[in-house]
Amino acid sequence: MDLGIEGKVALVAASSKGIGLAIAEELAANGARLVMCARGEKDLRAAAAEIRAKSKVEVVDVVADVSKPADIVRLAEVAQKKFGRVDMLVVNSGGPPPGSFETLTPAMWAEAAQLLLHSTVELVRAVLPGMKERRWGRILNVTSIAAKQPVDGLMLSNSLRAAVHGFARTLANEVAPFGITANNILPGYTRTDRVVSLAKHASETKGITLEDSYKAWEEQVPMGRLAEPREIAAVAAFILSERASYLTASSIAVDGGWIRSLM
């Protein structure tokens, strides 16, 4: 299926590995030009080089931390200078640390809000004027199943990713007249560094093996396994495409059936 994004420009945050990288690869495979960013220079340069070699598309890689407003401004400036536009924005970042209410300090709440919520707002602020001017745009927030069905021990993620959903839902109505969509994609347990970190935390706090941590999650998923990043990316690419022009204000779980609610 032709997604209709050949030649369009996608800014994909936190795209040196994991789900962000998989989305960047999928978009490039469909002809999109890329602006990639991550904090770690080595992994970012390697990921960008591999995509260039494989997909033969233009790729700009920028070392940037999306939790820092100045880095977001610089990232947008690089995208504008190189391509003159950003058509598709993928808001993505690492997750905040696990913890219960009594273990989390005010500083940890502030850092998580900056990482998850404020970075989303500022990334959108950086690219939205151009999208409105061209009357076409796609905004996709990579959040988590925790935003819809809270996960025990992930107080920060549960709370702030839900806030991102509220922002996106409100934004979607405001930008719809300009041909811009705003959606959320909710990955389930996926084979990424983030899940490895959570598995180690669960192993330490519960006194179980790492293998048992993974097994416990797999048993919660009707499909009986964790997702691969490419499975999340395939859905993300469609949401970002011309084909999904009437899809907005939606939160789509790609979780193997983990979420049990109807709505």
Protein backbone atom coordinates (compact mmCIF):
# COMPACT_ATOMS: atom_id res chain seq x y z
CA MET A 1 0.00 0.00 0.00
CA ASP A 2 1.33 3.41 -0.97
CA LEU A 3 1.27 5.58 2.17
CA GLY A 4 1.59 8.78 0.19
CA ILE A 5 4.53 10.13 2.21
CA GLU A 6 7.35 9.91 -0.33
CA GLY A 7 9.38 13.11 -0.14
CA LYS A 8 7.66 14.35 3.00
CA VAL A 9 9.77 15.26 6.03
CA ALA A 10 9.44 13.48 9.36
CA LEU A 11 11.00 14.62 12.61
CA VAL A 12 11.34 11.57 14.84
CA ALA A 13 12.46 12.22 18.41
CA ALA A 14 14.54 9.72 20.39
CA SER A 15 15.16 7.71 17.24
CA SER A 16 18.56 6.11 17.73
CA LYS A 17 17.10 2.85 19.05
CA GLY A 18 13.94 1.05 20.07
CA ILE A 19 10.53 2.17 18.87
CA GLY A 20 11.76 5.57 17.69
CA LEU A 21 14.35 3.95 15.43
CA ALA A 22 11.82 1.44 14.11
CA ILE A 23 9.43 4.26 13.18
CA ALA A 24 12.22 6.18 11.45
CA GLU A 25 13.16 3.06 9.47
CA GLU A 26 9.56 2.41 8.44
CA LEU A 27 9.02 5.99 7.30
CA ALA A 28 12.28 5.98 5.35
CA ALA A 29 11.31 2.70 3.70
CA ASN A 30 8.23 4.52 2.42
CA GLY A 31 10.28 7.38 0.99
CA ALA A 32 10.09 9.97 3.76
CA ARG A 33 13.05 12.20 4.49
CA LEU A 34 14.12 12.22 8.13
CA VAL A 35 15.27 14.45 10.93
CA MET A 36 16.44 12.11 13.69
CA CYS A 37 17.54 13.06 17.18
CA ALA A 38 18.80 11.41 20.35
CA ARG A 39 21.05 12.20 23.29
CA GLY A 40 23.67 9.56 22.49
CA GLU A 41 25.78 10.61 19.52
CA LYS A 42 27.35 7.23 18.73
CA ASP A 43 24.08 5.30 18.46
CA LEU A 44 22.40 8.15 16.59
CA ARG A 45 25.12 8.49 13.95
CA ALA A 46 25.16 4.73 13.39
CA ALA A 47 21.37 4.49 13.09
CA ALA A 48 21.19 7.40 10.65
CA ALA A 49 24.00 6.00 8.51
CA GLU A 50 22.29 2.62 8.29
CA ILE A 51 18.99 4.17 7.19
CA ARG A 52 20.75 6.28 4.54
CA ALA A 53 22.48 3.22 3.15
CA LYS A 54 19.38 1.05 3.16
CA SER A 55 16.62 3.45 2.09
CA LYS A 56 18.57 6.00 0.03
CA VAL A 57 16.68 8.92 1.57
CA GLU A 58 18.00 12.16 3.02
CA VAL A 59 18.59 11.90 6.76
CA VAL A 60 19.72 14.61 9.16
CA ASP A 61 20.84 13.47 12.60
CA VAL A 62 20.95 15.94 15.48
CA VAL A 63 22.28 15.23 18.96
CA ALA A 64 19.57 16.70 21.15
CA ASP A 65 17.77 16.12 24.44
CA VAL A 66 14.04 16.79 24.00
CA SER A 67 13.67 17.48 27.72
CA LYS A 68 15.67 20.69 27.11
CA PRO A 69 13.68 23.49 25.39
CA ALA A 70 16.82 25.00 23.86
CA ASP A 71 17.63 21.69 22.18
CA ILE A 72 14.13 21.53 20.71
CA VAL A 73 14.52 25.01 19.24
CA ARG A 74 17.88 24.04 17.75
CA LEU A 75 16.44 20.80 16.37
CA ALA A 76 13.62 22.65 14.64
CA GLU A 77 16.06 25.18 13.21
CA VAL A 78 18.18 22.40 11.71
CA ALA A 79 15.10 20.81 10.16
CA GLN A 80 14.00 24.13 8.70
CA LYS A 81 17.44 24.92 7.33
CA LYS A 82 17.88 21.51 5.69
CA PHE A 83 14.38 20.78 4.41
CA GLY A 84 12.37 23.98 4.88
CA ARG A 85 9.55 22.04 6.52
CA VAL A 86 8.41 19.31 8.89
CA ASP A 87 5.34 17.42 7.70
CA MET A 88 5.24 14.66 10.30
CA LEU A 89 6.20 14.92 13.97
CA VAL A 90 6.80 11.84 16.09
CA VAL A 91 7.00 12.80 19.75
CA ASN A 92 8.96 10.13 21.57
CA SER A 93 11.23 9.91 24.59
CA GLY A 94 12.54 7.56 27.20
CA GLY A 95 10.36 6.79 30.18
CA PRO A 96 10.58 8.20 33.70
CA PRO A 97 11.80 6.02 36.57
CA PRO A 98 9.42 3.57 38.23
CA GLY A 99 8.16 4.26 41.72
CA SER A 100 5.16 4.58 44.00
CA PHE A 101 3.78 7.87 45.30
CA GLU A 102 5.77 7.83 48.53
CA THR A 103 9.07 7.12 46.79
CA LEU A 104 8.82 10.01 44.32
CA THR A 105 10.24 13.42 45.18
CA PRO A 106 9.00 16.79 43.86
CA ALA A 107 12.14 16.97 41.74
CA MET A 108 11.34 13.62 40.15
CA TRP A 109 7.82 14.82 39.31
CA ALA A 110 9.23 17.99 37.73
CA GLU A 111 11.78 16.06 35.67
CA ALA A 112 9.15 13.62 34.44
CA ALA A 113 6.80 16.45 33.50
CA GLN A 114 9.59 18.09 31.52
CA LEU A 115 10.47 14.83 29.78
CA LEU A 116 6.97 13.69 28.86
CA LEU A 117 4.57 16.64 28.83
CA HIS A 118 6.55 19.83 28.31
CA SER A 119 8.72 18.29 25.59
CA THR A 120 5.54 17.32 23.73
CA VAL A 121 4.18 20.84 23.96
CA GLU A 122 7.43 22.44 22.80
CA LEU A 123 7.99 20.04 19.90
CA VAL A 124 4.49 20.77 18.65
CA ARG A 125 5.04 24.49 19.13
CA ALA A 126 8.17 24.29 16.99
CA VAL A 127 6.55 22.66 13.95
CA LEU A 128 2.87 23.58 14.05
CA PRO A 129 3.06 27.01 12.33
CA GLY A 130 4.55 25.46 9.18
CA MET A 131 1.98 22.67 9.15
CA LYS A 132 -0.84 25.19 9.41
CA GLU A 133 0.64 27.28 6.62
CA ARG A 134 0.84 24.25 4.31
CA ARG A 135 -2.52 22.93 5.57
CA TRP A 136 -1.16 19.42 6.07
CA GLY A 137 0.49 17.75 9.02
CA ARG A 138 0.69 14.68 11.19
CA ILE A 139 1.44 14.71 14.92
CA LEU A 140 1.90 11.38 16.67
CA ASN A 141 2.75 10.94 20.34
CA VAL A 142 4.35 7.65 21.32
CA THR A 143 2.98 7.11 24.81
CA SER A 144 2.17 3.85 26.58
CA ILE A 145 -0.56 1.44 27.57
CA ALA A 146 -0.04 2.97 31.03
CA ALA A 147 -1.92 6.07 29.86
CA LYS A 148 -5.10 4.03 29.43
CA GLN A 149 -4.72 1.26 32.00
CA PRO A 150 -2.31 2.31 34.79
CA VAL A 151 0.53 -0.06 35.58
CA ASP A 152 1.41 -0.67 39.22
CA GLY A 153 4.67 0.99 40.19
CA LEU A 154 4.71 3.42 37.26
CA MET A 155 3.15 6.43 38.97
CA LEU A 156 5.01 9.01 36.88
CA SER A 157 4.36 7.35 33.54
CA ASN A 158 0.71 6.65 34.34
CA SER A 159 0.05 10.25 35.33
CA LEU A 160 2.00 12.25 32.79
CA ARG A 161 1.32 10.15 29.73
CA ALA A 162 -2.38 10.57 30.49
CA ALA A 163 -1.75 14.32 30.52
CA VAL A 164 -0.18 14.03 27.06
CA HIS A 165 -3.37 12.33 25.88
CA GLY A 166 -5.44 15.23 27.19
CA PHE A 167 -3.19 17.69 25.37
CA ALA A 168 -3.35 15.75 22.10
CA ARG A 169 -7.12 15.32 22.26
CA THR A 170 -7.62 19.06 22.73
CA LEU A 171 -5.02 19.97 20.11
CA ALA A 172 -6.62 17.68 17.54
CA ASN A 173 -9.82 19.72 17.54
CA GLU A 174 -7.92 22.99 17.23
CA VAL A 175 -5.81 21.94 14.24
CA ALA A 176 -8.30 19.77 12.34
CA PRO A 177 -9.49 22.67 10.11
CA PHE A 178 -5.92 22.96 8.80
CA GLY A 179 -5.68 19.37 7.58
CA ILE A 180 -3.54 18.38 10.57
CA THR A 181 -4.13 15.26 12.63
CA ALA A 182 -2.99 14.58 16.19
CA ASN A 183 -3.01 11.07 17.61
CA ASN A 184 -1.40 8.87 20.23
CA ILE A 185 0.01 5.38 19.79
CA LEU A 186 0.18 3.22 22.91
CA PRO A 187 2.81 0.48 22.71
CA GLY A 188 2.41 -2.49 24.97
CA TYR A 189 5.35 -4.36 26.45
CA THR A 190 7.92 -4.17 23.66
CA ARG A 191 11.46 -5.50 23.38
CA THR A 192 13.33 -2.25 24.03
CA ASP A 193 15.93 -0.95 26.49
CA ARG A 194 13.08 0.57 28.50
CA VAL A 195 11.45 -2.80 29.07
CA VAL A 196 14.82 -4.34 29.97
CA SER A 197 15.21 -1.63 32.61
CA LEU A 198 11.72 -2.23 33.99
CA ALA A 199 12.33 -5.98 34.05
CA LYS A 200 15.51 -5.47 36.08
CA HIS A 201 13.63 -3.21 38.50
CA ALA A 202 10.86 -5.78 38.90
CA SER A 203 13.44 -8.51 39.44
CA GLU A 204 15.18 -6.56 42.18
CA THR A 205 12.07 -5.36 44.00
CA LYS A 206 10.16 -8.64 43.83
CA GLY A 207 13.09 -10.97 44.32
CA ILE A 208 12.48 -12.89 41.11
CA THR A 209 14.66 -13.71 38.13
CA LEU A 210 14.83 -11.54 35.04
CA GLU A 211 13.30 -14.37 33.05
CA ASP A 212 10.38 -14.56 35.46
CA SER A 213 9.80 -10.81 35.04
CA TYR A 214 9.41 -11.25 31.29
CA LYS A 215 7.29 -14.36 31.73
CA ALA A 216 4.89 -12.50 34.04
CA TRP A 217 4.35 -9.82 31.40
CA GLU A 218 3.94 -12.34 28.61
CA GLU A 219 1.25 -14.12 30.61
CA GLN A 220 -0.72 -10.86 30.83
CA VAL A 221 -0.79 -10.50 27.04
CA PRO A 222 -3.41 -12.57 25.17
CA MET A 223 -0.94 -13.05 22.31
CA GLY A 224 1.51 -14.52 24.82
CA ARG A 225 4.58 -12.53 23.84
CA LEU A 226 6.20 -9.11 23.87
CA ALA A 227 6.01 -6.88 20.80
CA GLU A 228 8.86 -6.15 18.44
CA PRO A 229 9.53 -2.44 17.74
CA ARG A 230 8.77 -2.93 14.03
CA GLU A 231 5.22 -4.00 14.92
CA ILE A 232 4.63 -0.65 16.62
CA ALA A 233 6.29 1.17 13.73
CA ALA A 234 4.03 -0.38 11.09
CA VAL A 235 0.95 1.07 12.77
CA ALA A 236 2.67 4.40 13.42
CA ALA A 237 3.57 4.79 9.75
CA PHE A 238 -0.05 4.34 8.72
CA ILE A 239 -1.25 6.91 11.28
CA LEU A 240 1.31 9.36 9.90
CA SER A 241 0.37 8.71 6.28
CA GLU A 242 -1.84 10.39 3.72
CA ARG A 243 -4.08 7.32 3.94
CA ALA A 244 -5.01 8.21 7.53
CA SER A 245 -6.33 11.66 6.64
CA TYR A 246 -9.59 11.20 8.59
CA LEU A 247 -7.99 9.66 11.69
CA THR A 248 -7.46 12.18 14.47
CA ALA A 249 -7.95 12.62 18.22
CA SER A 250 -7.43 8.88 18.63
CA SER A 251 -5.36 6.78 21.02
CA ILE A 252 -4.47 3.48 19.41
CA ALA A 253 -3.06 0.63 21.48
CA VAL A 254 -0.65 -1.81 19.88
CA ASP A 255 -0.44 -4.16 22.82
CA GLY A 256 -1.37 -7.69 21.82
CA GLY A 257 -4.68 -7.31 23.63
CA TRP A 258 -3.20 -6.30 27.02
CA ILE A 259 -5.70 -3.49 27.68
CA ARG A 260 -8.97 -5.05 28.78
CA SER A 261 -11.30 -2.03 28.65
CA LEU A 262 -13.83 -1.40 25.88
CA MET A 263 -13.12 2.32 25.52
